[in-house]
Amino acid sequence: MGDVLLALPFLAALPEHFRCQSLTLVGNPSTLELLANQPFVNQIRDHSQAGWSGLYLDPPRLPDRLVEFIRGHRAALVLSASPGDPALTGLKQTGLVPVVRVPSRPPADRPIHLTDHMFSAAGVRPGRQSVLIRPTDPGLEEARCILSGLGLENRPWLALHPGSGSAAKNWPIENWLSSAGAVEKGLELPCLFILGPAEVHLTPIIEKFAGGTRQIRLVHNQPLPVVAGLLARARGYVGHDSGVTHLAAGLGRPTLALFGPTDPAHWGPRGPRVSILAPGRSGSDRPWAGLTPRRIIEALKRLLDD
């Protein structure tokens, strides 16, 4: 999800570059639906349906109606980490020109951000205006209902996402729980833990902690539009190098991103109100050295006061 969300400003610049009205986005609909209400997006296509999987056969085999649909576009761009992605070959065999690979990973030997690398590699000029993710009305309404049930609908609160796609990128959950207590005491902001499928193992730990004297608020396994609706209503957000952190930043929310083993020069979230804490050097054996709840509080004070 993170690479798609970081591609948002790049995608927004494509209609002007190719002199077209809008884009068709093909991929995982659970992520792409976050971009479906952008003015430059015409439609979303599920890559698991309508014959798209034929792009990856050797040789590629696509239904005639899908070939005709593809040829009706000005160009095709494939967001991929590999120059040998078979989708490139399949799209070229439809006769569409040009077919361009857009890197979904930054170069390991250069401190260039992934978004900037996309523009540079594809020869596309960045747009003149910033682009934010737009939460959907149903997502906002479902979020309102959830927050009402938690007693947070009409008060400021802080979103916490203590997970990511890799356990190696995660600050220990005990530190998150301590930080939540420090935030509630020092900033008088109630905290809401937002967990996805990758963090299901954290739920019993957090719930066990909630058995004490403090109240812990928790939501988990919500669809991405609902997560976007929740984040759009938050006073601020704290998370790791993760797709949810890119979502919070892309929504324009005050976002504090915690980076341990990964490099924010490559993967830092982009948004109008983003602050990054990277206490250890990327690749070191102590990536979280020096990160404490006190540093979280100090960084949040600066971020939320801006």
C-alpha atoms as a PDB file:
ATOM      1  CA  MET A   1       0.000   0.000   0.000  1.00  0.00           C
ATOM      2  CA  GLY A   2       2.799   2.414   0.861  1.00  0.00           C
ATOM      3  CA  ASP A   3       4.281   2.560  -2.627  1.00  0.00           C
ATOM      4  CA  VAL A   4       0.849   3.232  -4.172  1.00  0.00           C
ATOM      5  CA  LEU A   5       0.125   6.082  -1.744  1.00  0.00           C
ATOM      6  CA  LEU A   6       3.573   7.572  -2.279  1.00  0.00           C
ATOM      7  CA  ALA A   7       2.803   7.465  -6.011  1.00  0.00           C
ATOM      8  CA  LEU A   8      -0.204   9.787  -5.574  1.00  0.00           C
ATOM      9  CA  PRO A   9       1.546  13.016  -6.684  1.00  0.00           C
ATOM     10  CA  PHE A  10       3.123  11.118  -9.560  1.00  0.00           C
ATOM     11  CA  LEU A  11      -0.237   9.755 -10.687  1.00  0.00           C
ATOM     12  CA  ALA A  12      -1.787  13.221 -10.433  1.00  0.00           C
ATOM     13  CA  ALA A  13       0.843  14.568 -12.852  1.00  0.00           C
ATOM     14  CA  LEU A  14       0.265  11.923 -15.538  1.00  0.00           C
ATOM     15  CA  PRO A  15      -2.803  13.406 -17.303  1.00  0.00           C
ATOM     16  CA  GLU A  16      -0.919  16.620 -18.068  1.00  0.00           C
ATOM     17  CA  HIS A  17       2.192  14.685 -19.120  1.00  0.00           C
ATOM     18  CA  PHE A  18       0.296  12.450 -21.554  1.00  0.00           C
ATOM     19  CA  ARG A  19      -2.288  15.115 -22.453  1.00  0.00           C
ATOM     20  CA  CYS A  20      -5.231  12.999 -21.439  1.00  0.00           C
ATOM     21  CA  GLN A  21      -8.256  13.588 -19.249  1.00  0.00           C
ATOM     22  CA  SER A  22      -7.901  10.860 -16.643  1.00  0.00           C
ATOM     23  CA  LEU A  23      -6.415   7.505 -15.651  1.00  0.00           C
ATOM     24  CA  THR A  24      -7.551   3.918 -15.350  1.00  0.00           C
ATOM     25  CA  LEU A  25      -5.965   2.290 -12.284  1.00  0.00           C
ATOM     26  CA  VAL A  26      -5.521  -1.482 -12.338  1.00  0.00           C
ATOM     27  CA  GLY A  27      -4.501  -3.380  -9.222  1.00  0.00           C
ATOM     28  CA  ASN A  28      -5.691  -4.367  -5.773  1.00  0.00           C
ATOM     29  CA  PRO A  29      -9.030  -2.579  -5.328  1.00  0.00           C
ATOM     30  CA  SER A  30      -8.756  -2.522  -1.529  1.00  0.00           C
ATOM     31  CA  THR A  31      -5.872  -0.055  -1.892  1.00  0.00           C
ATOM     32  CA  LEU A  32      -6.841   1.681  -5.117  1.00  0.00           C
ATOM     33  CA  GLU A  33     -10.288   2.603  -3.785  1.00  0.00           C
ATOM     34  CA  LEU A  34      -8.493   5.156  -1.606  1.00  0.00           C
ATOM     35  CA  LEU A  35      -7.743   7.030  -4.833  1.00  0.00           C
ATOM     36  CA  ALA A  36     -11.018   6.380  -6.648  1.00  0.00           C
ATOM     37  CA  ASN A  37     -12.511   9.812  -5.891  1.00  0.00           C
ATOM     38  CA  GLN A  38      -9.549  11.779  -7.232  1.00  0.00           C
ATOM     39  CA  PRO A  39     -10.538  13.997 -10.190  1.00  0.00           C
ATOM     40  CA  PHE A  40      -7.833  12.467 -12.380  1.00  0.00           C
ATOM     41  CA  VAL A  41      -9.069   8.863 -11.859  1.00  0.00           C
ATOM     42  CA  ASN A  42     -11.689   7.639 -14.319  1.00  0.00           C
ATOM     43  CA  GLN A  43     -12.086   4.067 -13.103  1.00  0.00           C
ATOM     44  CA  ILE A  44     -10.597   1.287 -10.985  1.00  0.00           C
ATOM     45  CA  ARG A  45     -10.089  -2.214 -12.409  1.00  0.00           C
ATOM     46  CA  ASP A  46      -9.471  -5.284 -10.241  1.00  0.00           C
ATOM     47  CA  HIS A  47      -6.325  -7.027 -11.527  1.00  0.00           C
ATOM     48  CA  SER A  48      -7.694 -10.409 -10.426  1.00  0.00           C
ATOM     49  CA  GLN A  49     -10.678 -10.182 -12.774  1.00  0.00           C
ATOM     50  CA  ALA A  50     -11.598  -9.693 -16.446  1.00  0.00           C
ATOM     51  CA  GLY A  51      -8.597 -11.537 -17.852  1.00  0.00           C
ATOM     52  CA  TRP A  52      -5.875  -9.269 -16.457  1.00  0.00           C
ATOM     53  CA  SER A  53      -4.009 -12.307 -15.093  1.00  0.00           C
ATOM     54  CA  GLY A  54      -3.304 -13.249 -18.715  1.00  0.00           C
ATOM     55  CA  LEU A  55      -0.650 -10.521 -18.771  1.00  0.00           C
ATOM     56  CA  TYR A  56       1.529 -12.791 -16.647  1.00  0.00           C
ATOM     57  CA  LEU A  57       1.305 -15.910 -18.828  1.00  0.00           C
ATOM     58  CA  ASP A  58       4.123 -16.948 -21.129  1.00  0.00           C
ATOM     59  CA  PRO A  59       3.196 -16.067 -23.800  1.00  0.00           C
ATOM     60  CA  PRO A  60       0.637 -13.477 -22.597  1.00  0.00           C
ATOM     61  CA  ARG A  61      -3.005 -14.262 -23.433  1.00  0.00           C
ATOM     62  CA  LEU A  62      -5.673 -11.605 -23.107  1.00  0.00           C
ATOM     63  CA  PRO A  63      -9.327 -11.608 -24.185  1.00  0.00           C
ATOM     64  CA  ASP A  64      -9.923  -9.567 -27.344  1.00  0.00           C
ATOM     65  CA  ARG A  65     -12.212  -7.145 -25.514  1.00  0.00           C
ATOM     66  CA  LEU A  66      -9.486  -6.476 -22.940  1.00  0.00           C
ATOM     67  CA  VAL A  67      -6.881  -5.890 -25.663  1.00  0.00           C
ATOM     68  CA  GLU A  68      -9.260  -3.413 -27.274  1.00  0.00           C
ATOM     69  CA  PHE A  69      -9.798  -1.695 -23.913  1.00  0.00           C
ATOM     70  CA  ILE A  70      -6.041  -1.374 -23.318  1.00  0.00           C
ATOM     71  CA  ARG A  71      -5.449   0.003 -26.808  1.00  0.00           C
ATOM     72  CA  GLY A  72      -7.961   2.746 -26.077  1.00  0.00           C
ATOM     73  CA  HIS A  73      -5.450   4.420 -23.751  1.00  0.00           C
ATOM     74  CA  ARG A  74      -2.597   6.825 -24.501  1.00  0.00           C
ATOM     75  CA  ALA A  75       0.028   4.844 -22.567  1.00  0.00           C
ATOM     76  CA  ALA A  76       0.512   2.149 -19.939  1.00  0.00           C
ATOM     77  CA  LEU A  77       2.660   2.480 -16.836  1.00  0.00           C
ATOM     78  CA  VAL A  78       3.558  -0.458 -14.617  1.00  0.00           C
ATOM     79  CA  LEU A  79       4.518   0.218 -11.006  1.00  0.00           C
ATOM     80  CA  SER A  80       7.045  -2.541 -10.381  1.00  0.00           C
ATOM     81  CA  ALA A  81      10.293  -3.299  -8.601  1.00  0.00           C
ATOM     82  CA  SER A  82      11.570  -5.437 -11.477  1.00  0.00           C
ATOM     83  CA  PRO A  83      12.552  -4.363 -15.013  1.00  0.00           C
ATOM     84  CA  GLY A  84      11.573  -7.893 -16.069  1.00  0.00           C
ATOM     85  CA  ASP A  85       7.998  -7.679 -14.812  1.00  0.00           C
ATOM     86  CA  PRO A  86       5.964  -9.877 -17.196  1.00  0.00           C
ATOM     87  CA  ALA A  87       3.148  -7.285 -17.234  1.00  0.00           C
ATOM     88  CA  LEU A  88       5.460  -5.078 -19.299  1.00  0.00           C
ATOM     89  CA  THR A  89       5.770  -7.766 -21.970  1.00  0.00           C
ATOM     90  CA  GLY A  90       2.062  -8.489 -21.951  1.00  0.00           C
ATOM     91  CA  LEU A  91       1.095  -4.837 -22.359  1.00  0.00           C
ATOM     92  CA  LYS A  92       3.616  -4.304 -25.156  1.00  0.00           C
ATOM     93  CA  GLN A  93       2.134  -7.241 -27.068  1.00  0.00           C
ATOM     94  CA  THR A  94      -1.229  -5.475 -27.196  1.00  0.00           C
ATOM     95  CA  GLY A  95       0.383  -2.895 -29.474  1.00  0.00           C
ATOM     96  CA  LEU A  96      -0.019  -0.004 -27.026  1.00  0.00           C
ATOM     97  CA  VAL A  97       2.849   2.500 -27.097  1.00  0.00           C
ATOM     98  CA  PRO A  98       4.464   3.569 -24.848  1.00  0.00           C
ATOM     99  CA  VAL A  99       4.631   1.025 -22.040  1.00  0.00           C
ATOM    100  CA  VAL A 100       6.743   2.398 -19.182  1.00  0.00           C
ATOM    101  CA  ARG A 101       8.019   0.813 -15.980  1.00  0.00           C
ATOM    102  CA  VAL A 102       7.795   3.042 -12.918  1.00  0.00           C
ATOM    103  CA  PRO A 103      10.054   1.867 -10.058  1.00  0.00           C
ATOM    104  CA  SER A 104       8.233   0.863  -6.874  1.00  0.00           C
ATOM    105  CA  ARG A 105      11.474   0.777  -4.883  1.00  0.00           C
ATOM    106  CA  PRO A 106      14.101   3.506  -4.472  1.00  0.00           C
ATOM    107  CA  PRO A 107      17.723   2.804  -5.466  1.00  0.00           C
ATOM    108  CA  ALA A 108      19.687   1.358  -2.549  1.00  0.00           C
ATOM    109  CA  ASP A 109      22.841   3.296  -3.456  1.00  0.00           C
ATOM    110  CA  ARG A 110      21.312   6.795  -3.554  1.00  0.00           C
ATOM    111  CA  PRO A 111      19.436   8.798  -0.888  1.00  0.00           C
ATOM    112  CA  ILE A 112      16.541   9.660  -3.178  1.00  0.00           C
ATOM    113  CA  HIS A 113      12.941   9.420  -2.050  1.00  0.00           C
ATOM    114  CA  LEU A 114      10.734   6.914  -3.864  1.00  0.00           C
ATOM    115  CA  THR A 115       8.290   9.592  -5.070  1.00  0.00           C
ATOM    116  CA  ASP A 116      11.107  11.697  -6.523  1.00  0.00           C
ATOM    117  CA  HIS A 117      12.625   8.590  -8.086  1.00  0.00           C
ATOM    118  CA  MET A 118       9.337   7.836  -9.859  1.00  0.00           C
ATOM    119  CA  PHE A 119       9.275  11.274 -11.459  1.00  0.00           C
ATOM    120  CA  SER A 120      12.940  11.086 -12.454  1.00  0.00           C
ATOM    121  CA  ALA A 121      12.807   7.532 -13.851  1.00  0.00           C
ATOM    122  CA  ALA A 122       9.678   8.177 -15.931  1.00  0.00           C
ATOM    123  CA  GLY A 123      10.688  11.655 -17.103  1.00  0.00           C
ATOM    124  CA  VAL A 124       7.499  13.201 -15.706  1.00  0.00           C
ATOM    125  CA  ARG A 125       7.426  16.748 -14.341  1.00  0.00           C
ATOM    126  CA  PRO A 126       5.836  17.159 -10.878  1.00  0.00           C
ATOM    127  CA  GLY A 127       2.498  18.950 -10.764  1.00  0.00           C
ATOM    128  CA  ARG A 128       2.116  22.507  -9.545  1.00  0.00           C
ATOM    129  CA  GLN A 129      -0.263  21.703  -6.702  1.00  0.00           C
ATOM    130  CA  SER A 130      -0.073  19.262  -3.823  1.00  0.00           C
ATOM    131  CA  VAL A 131      -2.538  16.366  -3.813  1.00  0.00           C
ATOM    132  CA  LEU A 132      -4.217  14.917  -0.746  1.00  0.00           C
ATOM    133  CA  ILE A 133      -6.124  11.674  -0.268  1.00  0.00           C
ATOM    134  CA  ARG A 134      -9.861  12.275  -0.009  1.00  0.00           C
ATOM    135  CA  PRO A 135     -11.817  10.184   2.495  1.00  0.00           C
ATOM    136  CA  THR A 136     -15.126   8.881   1.192  1.00  0.00           C
ATOM    137  CA  ASP A 137     -18.468   9.910   2.692  1.00  0.00           C
ATOM    138  CA  PRO A 138     -19.339   6.289   3.664  1.00  0.00           C
ATOM    139  CA  GLY A 139     -15.910   5.891   5.266  1.00  0.00           C
ATOM    140  CA  LEU A 140     -16.347   9.099   7.251  1.00  0.00           C
ATOM    141  CA  GLU A 141     -19.828   8.084   8.396  1.00  0.00           C
ATOM    142  CA  GLU A 142     -18.711   4.634   9.534  1.00  0.00           C
ATOM    143  CA  ALA A 143     -15.770   6.255  11.343  1.00  0.00           C
ATOM    144  CA  ARG A 144     -18.186   8.649  13.067  1.00  0.00           C
ATOM    145  CA  CYS A 145     -20.235   5.724  14.328  1.00  0.00           C
ATOM    146  CA  ILE A 146     -17.132   3.952  15.660  1.00  0.00           C
ATOM    147  CA  LEU A 147     -15.877   7.091  17.407  1.00  0.00           C
ATOM    148  CA  SER A 148     -19.312   7.733  18.897  1.00  0.00           C
ATOM    149  CA  GLY A 149     -19.265   4.260  20.430  1.00  0.00           C
ATOM    150  CA  LEU A 150     -15.833   4.970  21.918  1.00  0.00           C
ATOM    151  CA  GLY A 151     -16.799   8.371  23.306  1.00  0.00           C
ATOM    152  CA  LEU A 152     -14.437  10.188  20.939  1.00  0.00           C
ATOM    153  CA  GLU A 153     -16.808  11.726  18.387  1.00  0.00           C
ATOM    154  CA  ASN A 154     -16.790  15.271  19.737  1.00  0.00           C
ATOM    155  CA  ARG A 155     -13.331  15.525  21.285  1.00  0.00           C
ATOM    156  CA  PRO A 156      -9.743  15.597  20.009  1.00  0.00           C
ATOM    157  CA  TRP A 157      -7.865  12.286  20.089  1.00  0.00           C
ATOM    158  CA  LEU A 158      -4.618  10.738  18.850  1.00  0.00           C
ATOM    159  CA  ALA A 159      -4.388   7.762  16.480  1.00  0.00           C
ATOM    160  CA  LEU A 160      -1.677   5.175  17.156  1.00  0.00           C
ATOM    161  CA  HIS A 161      -0.713   2.439  14.703  1.00  0.00           C
ATOM    162  CA  PRO A 162       1.927   0.205  16.359  1.00  0.00           C
ATOM    163  CA  GLY A 163       2.402  -2.187  13.432  1.00  0.00           C
ATOM    164  CA  SER A 164       3.692  -2.427   9.872  1.00  0.00           C
ATOM    165  CA  GLY A 165       4.251  -4.986   7.165  1.00  0.00           C
ATOM    166  CA  SER A 166       7.380  -6.254   8.920  1.00  0.00           C
ATOM    167  CA  ALA A 167       7.948  -6.974  12.611  1.00  0.00           C
ATOM    168  CA  ALA A 168      11.538  -5.751  12.209  1.00  0.00           C
ATOM    169  CA  LYS A 169      10.224  -2.215  11.621  1.00  0.00           C
ATOM    170  CA  ASN A 170       8.171  -2.133  14.821  1.00  0.00           C
ATOM    171  CA  TRP A 171       8.994  -0.402  18.090  1.00  0.00           C
ATOM    172  CA  PRO A 172       8.167  -2.817  20.965  1.00  0.00           C
ATOM    173  CA  ILE A 173       4.472  -2.740  21.892  1.00  0.00           C
ATOM    174  CA  GLU A 174       5.310  -2.160  25.573  1.00  0.00           C
ATOM    175  CA  ASN A 175       6.869   1.164  24.563  1.00  0.00           C
ATOM    176  CA  TRP A 176       3.732   2.077  22.623  1.00  0.00           C
ATOM    177  CA  LEU A 177       1.571   1.378  25.652  1.00  0.00           C
ATOM    178  CA  SER A 178       3.830   3.507  27.846  1.00  0.00           C
ATOM    179  CA  SER A 179       3.747   6.286  25.253  1.00  0.00           C
ATOM    180  CA  ALA A 180      -0.059   6.172  25.123  1.00  0.00           C
ATOM    181  CA  GLY A 181      -0.163   6.719  28.884  1.00  0.00           C
ATOM    182  CA  ALA A 182       2.322   9.587  28.624  1.00  0.00           C
ATOM    183  CA  VAL A 183       0.301  11.232  25.835  1.00  0.00           C
ATOM    184  CA  GLU A 184      -2.951  10.987  27.747  1.00  0.00           C
ATOM    185  CA  LYS A 185      -1.324  12.452  30.853  1.00  0.00           C
ATOM    186  CA  GLY A 186       0.993  15.028  29.284  1.00  0.00           C
ATOM    187  CA  LEU A 187      -1.113  16.202  26.328  1.00  0.00           C
ATOM    188  CA  GLU A 188      -4.576  15.322  27.685  1.00  0.00           C
ATOM    189  CA  LEU A 189      -5.309  13.498  24.441  1.00  0.00           C
ATOM    190  CA  PRO A 190      -7.070  10.129  24.550  1.00  0.00           C
ATOM    191  CA  CYS A 191      -5.379   7.564  22.311  1.00  0.00           C
ATOM    192  CA  LEU A 192      -6.982   5.133  19.889  1.00  0.00           C
ATOM    193  CA  PHE A 193      -4.973   2.107  18.731  1.00  0.00           C
ATOM    194  CA  ILE A 194      -5.737   1.214  15.111  1.00  0.00           C
ATOM    195  CA  LEU A 195      -4.716  -2.326  14.152  1.00  0.00           C
ATOM    196  CA  GLY A 196      -4.891  -4.166  10.847  1.00  0.00           C
ATOM    197  CA  PRO A 197      -4.538  -7.847   9.907  1.00  0.00           C
ATOM    198  CA  ALA A 198      -0.742  -7.691  10.289  1.00  0.00           C
ATOM    199  CA  GLU A 199      -1.134  -6.611  13.931  1.00  0.00           C
ATOM    200  CA  VAL A 200      -3.709  -9.184  15.056  1.00  0.00           C
ATOM    201  CA  HIS A 201      -1.134 -10.680  17.439  1.00  0.00           C
ATOM    202  CA  LEU A 202      -0.955  -7.372  19.329  1.00  0.00           C
ATOM    203  CA  THR A 203      -4.653  -7.332  20.205  1.00  0.00           C
ATOM    204  CA  PRO A 204      -4.457  -9.659  23.264  1.00  0.00           C
ATOM    205  CA  ILE A 205      -1.399  -7.774  24.564  1.00  0.00           C
ATOM    206  CA  ILE A 206      -3.184  -4.446  24.374  1.00  0.00           C
ATOM    207  CA  GLU A 207      -6.408  -5.892  25.796  1.00  0.00           C
ATOM    208  CA  LYS A 208      -4.486  -7.457  28.691  1.00  0.00           C
ATOM    209  CA  PHE A 209      -2.968  -4.065  29.425  1.00  0.00           C
ATOM    210  CA  ALA A 210      -6.461  -2.596  29.337  1.00  0.00           C
ATOM    211  CA  GLY A 211      -7.391  -4.886  32.203  1.00  0.00           C
ATOM    212  CA  GLY A 212      -5.556  -2.510  34.532  1.00  0.00           C
ATOM    213  CA  THR A 213      -6.682   0.880  35.727  1.00  0.00           C
ATOM    214  CA  ARG A 214      -6.333   2.665  32.388  1.00  0.00           C
ATOM    215  CA  GLN A 215      -8.811   2.599  29.558  1.00  0.00           C
ATOM    216  CA  ILE A 216      -7.388   1.481  26.221  1.00  0.00           C
ATOM    217  CA  ARG A 217      -9.366   2.225  23.065  1.00  0.00           C
ATOM    218  CA  LEU A 218      -8.850  -0.153  20.170  1.00  0.00           C
ATOM    219  CA  VAL A 219     -10.260  -0.765  16.691  1.00  0.00           C
ATOM    220  CA  HIS A 220      -9.020  -3.487  14.367  1.00  0.00           C
ATOM    221  CA  ASN A 221      -9.535  -5.003  10.925  1.00  0.00           C
ATOM    222  CA  GLN A 222     -11.500  -2.099   9.485  1.00  0.00           C
ATOM    223  CA  PRO A 223     -11.633  -1.595   5.677  1.00  0.00           C
ATOM    224  CA  LEU A 224      -9.198   0.997   4.383  1.00  0.00           C
ATOM    225  CA  PRO A 225     -11.897   3.610   3.585  1.00  0.00           C
ATOM    226  CA  VAL A 226     -13.023   3.391   7.231  1.00  0.00           C
ATOM    227  CA  VAL A 227      -9.424   3.677   8.455  1.00  0.00           C
ATOM    228  CA  ALA A 228      -9.080   6.760   6.245  1.00  0.00           C
ATOM    229  CA  GLY A 229     -12.289   8.134   7.767  1.00  0.00           C
ATOM    230  CA  LEU A 230     -10.933   7.577  11.274  1.00  0.00           C
ATOM    231  CA  LEU A 231      -7.585   9.185  10.524  1.00  0.00           C
ATOM    232  CA  ALA A 232      -9.264  12.168   8.869  1.00  0.00           C
ATOM    233  CA  ARG A 233     -11.040  12.839  12.191  1.00  0.00           C
ATOM    234  CA  ALA A 234      -7.936  12.419  14.390  1.00  0.00           C
ATOM    235  CA  ARG A 235      -6.113  15.338  16.008  1.00  0.00           C
ATOM    236  CA  GLY A 236      -2.869  13.632  15.025  1.00  0.00           C
ATOM    237  CA  TYR A 237      -1.243  10.294  14.284  1.00  0.00           C
ATOM    238  CA  VAL A 238       1.836   8.283  15.315  1.00  0.00           C
ATOM    239  CA  GLY A 239       3.054   5.205  13.435  1.00  0.00           C
ATOM    240  CA  HIS A 240       5.968   3.296  11.907  1.00  0.00           C
ATOM    241  CA  ASP A 241       7.174   3.121   8.310  1.00  0.00           C
ATOM    242  CA  SER A 242       3.897   1.627   7.114  1.00  0.00           C
ATOM    243  CA  GLY A 243       1.079   2.057   4.636  1.00  0.00           C
ATOM    244  CA  VAL A 244      -1.206   3.458   7.338  1.00  0.00           C
ATOM    245  CA  THR A 245       1.387   6.129   8.143  1.00  0.00           C
ATOM    246  CA  HIS A 246       1.507   7.127   4.463  1.00  0.00           C
ATOM    247  CA  LEU A 247      -2.287   7.226   4.529  1.00  0.00           C
ATOM    248  CA  ALA A 248      -2.359   9.581   7.532  1.00  0.00           C
ATOM    249  CA  ALA A 249       0.233  11.870   5.947  1.00  0.00           C
ATOM    250  CA  GLY A 250      -1.562  11.782   2.595  1.00  0.00           C
ATOM    251  CA  LEU A 251      -4.790  12.845   4.311  1.00  0.00           C
ATOM    252  CA  GLY A 252      -2.991  15.951   5.552  1.00  0.00           C
ATOM    253  CA  ARG A 253      -3.132  14.969   9.225  1.00  0.00           C
ATOM    254  CA  PRO A 254      -0.310  15.882  11.644  1.00  0.00           C
ATOM    255  CA  THR A 255       1.781  12.726  11.328  1.00  0.00           C
ATOM    256  CA  LEU A 256       4.687  11.595  13.505  1.00  0.00           C
ATOM    257  CA  ALA A 257       6.536   8.743  11.790  1.00  0.00           C
ATOM    258  CA  LEU A 258       8.916   6.494  13.735  1.00  0.00           C
ATOM    259  CA  PHE A 259      11.734   5.028  11.639  1.00  0.00           C
ATOM    260  CA  GLY A 260      14.066   2.325  12.929  1.00  0.00           C
ATOM    261  CA  PRO A 261      15.803  -0.015  10.441  1.00  0.00           C
ATOM    262  CA  THR A 262      14.409   1.628   7.281  1.00  0.00           C
ATOM    263  CA  ASP A 263      15.621   4.872   5.757  1.00  0.00           C
ATOM    264  CA  PRO A 264      13.279   7.900   5.762  1.00  0.00           C
ATOM    265  CA  ALA A 265      15.356   9.397   2.952  1.00  0.00           C
ATOM    266  CA  HIS A 266      13.820   6.654   0.789  1.00  0.00           C
ATOM    267  CA  TRP A 267      10.488   5.988   2.466  1.00  0.00           C
ATOM    268  CA  GLY A 268       9.548   8.999   4.574  1.00  0.00           C
ATOM    269  CA  PRO A 269       5.828   9.860   4.423  1.00  0.00           C
ATOM    270  CA  ARG A 270       4.914  12.932   2.377  1.00  0.00           C
ATOM    271  CA  GLY A 271       2.299  15.413   3.534  1.00  0.00           C
ATOM    272  CA  PRO A 272       1.830  19.004   4.679  1.00  0.00           C
ATOM    273  CA  ARG A 273       2.350  18.220   8.386  1.00  0.00           C
ATOM    274  CA  VAL A 274       4.851  15.400   8.818  1.00  0.00           C
ATOM    275  CA  SER A 275       7.596  14.947  11.389  1.00  0.00           C
ATOM    276  CA  ILE A 276      10.005  12.000  11.442  1.00  0.00           C
ATOM    277  CA  LEU A 277      11.860  10.504  14.408  1.00  0.00           C
ATOM    278  CA  ALA A 278      14.757   8.253  13.365  1.00  0.00           C
ATOM    279  CA  PRO A 279      16.728   7.727  16.578  1.00  0.00           C
ATOM    280  CA  GLY A 280      19.151   5.108  15.272  1.00  0.00           C
ATOM    281  CA  ARG A 281      20.981   4.946  11.980  1.00  0.00           C
ATOM    282  CA  SER A 282      19.335   2.858   9.284  1.00  0.00           C
ATOM    283  CA  GLY A 283      20.895  -0.602   9.163  1.00  0.00           C
ATOM    284  CA  SER A 284      22.360  -0.441  12.679  1.00  0.00           C
ATOM    285  CA  ASP A 285      21.819  -3.199  15.240  1.00  0.00           C
ATOM    286  CA  ARG A 286      20.117  -0.714  17.609  1.00  0.00           C
ATOM    287  CA  PRO A 287      17.646   1.119  15.356  1.00  0.00           C
ATOM    288  CA  TRP A 288      15.465   2.274  18.261  1.00  0.00           C
ATOM    289  CA  ALA A 289      18.247   3.472  20.552  1.00  0.00           C
ATOM    290  CA  GLY A 290      17.245   6.687  22.284  1.00  0.00           C
ATOM    291  CA  LEU A 291      13.563   6.610  21.356  1.00  0.00           C
ATOM    292  CA  THR A 292      11.509   7.157  24.504  1.00  0.00           C
ATOM    293  CA  PRO A 293       7.951   8.193  25.369  1.00  0.00           C
ATOM    294  CA  ARG A 294       9.365  11.570  26.382  1.00  0.00           C
ATOM    295  CA  ARG A 295      10.749  12.147  22.889  1.00  0.00           C
ATOM    296  CA  ILE A 296       7.359  11.183  21.461  1.00  0.00           C
ATOM    297  CA  ILE A 297       5.660  13.793  23.679  1.00  0.00           C
ATOM    298  CA  GLU A 298       8.156  16.515  22.730  1.00  0.00           C
ATOM    299  CA  ALA A 299       7.818  15.790  19.009  1.00  0.00           C
ATOM    300  CA  LEU A 300       4.027  15.722  19.219  1.00  0.00           C
ATOM    301  CA  LYS A 301       3.927  19.061  21.040  1.00  0.00           C
ATOM    302  CA  ARG A 302       5.932  20.694  18.256  1.00  0.00           C
ATOM    303  CA  LEU A 303       3.883  19.021  15.532  1.00  0.00           C
ATOM    304  CA  LEU A 304       0.458  19.785  16.987  1.00  0.00           C
ATOM    305  CA  ASP A 305       1.354  23.372  17.856  1.00  0.00           C
ATOM    306  CA  ASP A 306       2.394  24.228  14.277  1.00  0.00           C
END
